[in-house]
Protein backbone atom coordinates (compact mmCIF):
# COMPACT_ATOMS: atom_id res chain seq x y z
CA MET A 1 -0.01 0.09 0.12
CA THR A 2 1.25 3.39 -0.81
CA LEU A 3 1.26 6.53 1.41
CA SER A 4 0.36 9.62 -0.73
CA ILE A 5 0.43 12.95 1.10
CA ARG A 6 -1.09 15.80 -1.14
CA ASN A 7 -1.14 18.66 1.39
CA GLN A 8 2.18 20.64 1.17
CA ASP A 9 2.11 21.43 5.04
CA ALA A 10 1.42 17.60 5.87
CA ASP A 11 4.25 16.60 3.39
CA ARG A 12 6.70 19.08 4.94
CA LEU A 13 6.02 18.24 8.44
CA ALA A 14 6.13 14.38 7.75
CA ARG A 15 9.48 14.79 5.94
CA ARG A 16 10.76 17.00 8.91
CA LEU A 17 9.79 14.38 11.45
CA ALA A 18 11.35 11.71 9.43
CA GLU A 19 14.50 13.71 9.22
CA ILE A 20 14.46 14.15 13.02
CA ASP A 21 13.86 10.58 13.68
CA LYS A 22 16.17 9.22 10.78
CA THR A 23 13.41 7.19 9.40
CA SER A 24 11.18 7.07 6.59
CA VAL A 25 8.23 9.36 6.01
CA THR A 26 5.78 6.48 6.24
CA LYS A 27 7.21 5.33 9.57
CA ALA A 28 7.49 9.05 10.84
CA VAL A 29 3.63 9.31 10.00
CA VAL A 30 2.72 6.05 11.70
CA THR A 31 4.70 7.02 14.82
CA ALA A 32 3.14 10.56 14.94
CA LEU A 33 -0.37 9.12 14.65
CA GLU A 34 0.32 6.39 17.25
CA GLU A 35 1.58 9.09 19.66
CA THR A 36 -1.28 11.35 19.04
CA ILE A 37 -3.81 8.82 19.55
CA LYS A 38 -2.19 7.64 22.87
CA ALA A 39 -1.93 11.20 24.12
CA ARG A 40 -5.62 11.83 23.36
CA LEU A 41 -6.77 8.72 25.05
CA THR A 42 -4.59 9.36 28.20
CA THR A 43 -5.34 12.95 28.62
CA GLU A 44 -5.89 13.76 32.24
CA THR A 45 -9.04 15.70 33.34
CA PRO A 46 -8.58 18.73 35.66
CA ARG A 47 -9.88 16.56 38.56
CA ASP A 48 -7.32 13.84 37.73
CA THR A 49 -4.53 16.43 37.71
CA ALA A 50 -5.67 17.98 41.00
CA ARG A 51 -5.75 14.43 42.55
CA ARG A 52 -2.44 13.54 41.26
CA ILE A 53 -0.78 16.75 42.57
CA LEU A 54 -2.44 16.36 45.96
CA GLU A 55 -1.26 12.71 46.25
CA LYS A 56 2.29 13.80 45.46
CA HIS A 57 2.17 15.89 48.58
CA GLY A 58 0.47 13.52 50.81
CA LEU A 59 -2.87 15.04 50.47
CA SER A 60 -6.25 14.09 49.08
CA PHE A 61 -9.78 15.22 48.52
CA PRO A 62 -12.11 14.58 51.36
CA LYS A 63 -14.19 11.47 50.70
CA ASN A 64 -17.54 13.24 51.02
CA ARG A 65 -16.36 16.31 49.08
CA LYS A 66 -19.07 18.24 47.33
CA PRO A 67 -18.55 20.42 44.18
CA VAL A 68 -18.42 24.12 44.76
CA PRO A 69 -21.82 25.72 43.99
CA PRO A 70 -22.09 28.09 41.15
CA GLN A 71 -23.17 30.81 43.39
CA ALA A 72 -19.74 30.73 44.88
CA TYR A 73 -18.09 31.78 41.64
CA HIS A 74 -20.81 34.52 41.17
CA ASP A 75 -20.00 35.78 44.62
CA LEU A 76 -16.17 35.77 43.90
CA ASP A 77 -16.84 37.77 40.58
CA GLN A 78 -18.75 40.38 42.53
CA ASP A 79 -16.20 40.75 45.25
CA LEU A 80 -13.37 41.30 42.58
CA ALA A 81 -15.58 43.88 40.67
CA GLY A 82 -16.50 45.87 43.74
C-alpha cells in the first residue's frame, strides 16, 4: 500500500519528522499518529490532575467532598468587581 500526502504542510511536517527520527516518511507518519492517539486517550481531566498533585504531597480530596456551588463563583466575581 502506498502513502500519498497531497497537502504541502502535511508533507513538509512528515518529512521534517522523518529527518529528526532518521526514518522513512511512512514510519514518521505512523509514529506520529500512534503518539497522538495515545496522548488523546490518556489526557488527564482537571480533577485527575488535582488528585495527582495532592497525592504527590500526601494530601487527598475528602471522601464526601461536594462540588463548589455556582453561586460561589458568582460571589467571587462580584467581590473582585467591587
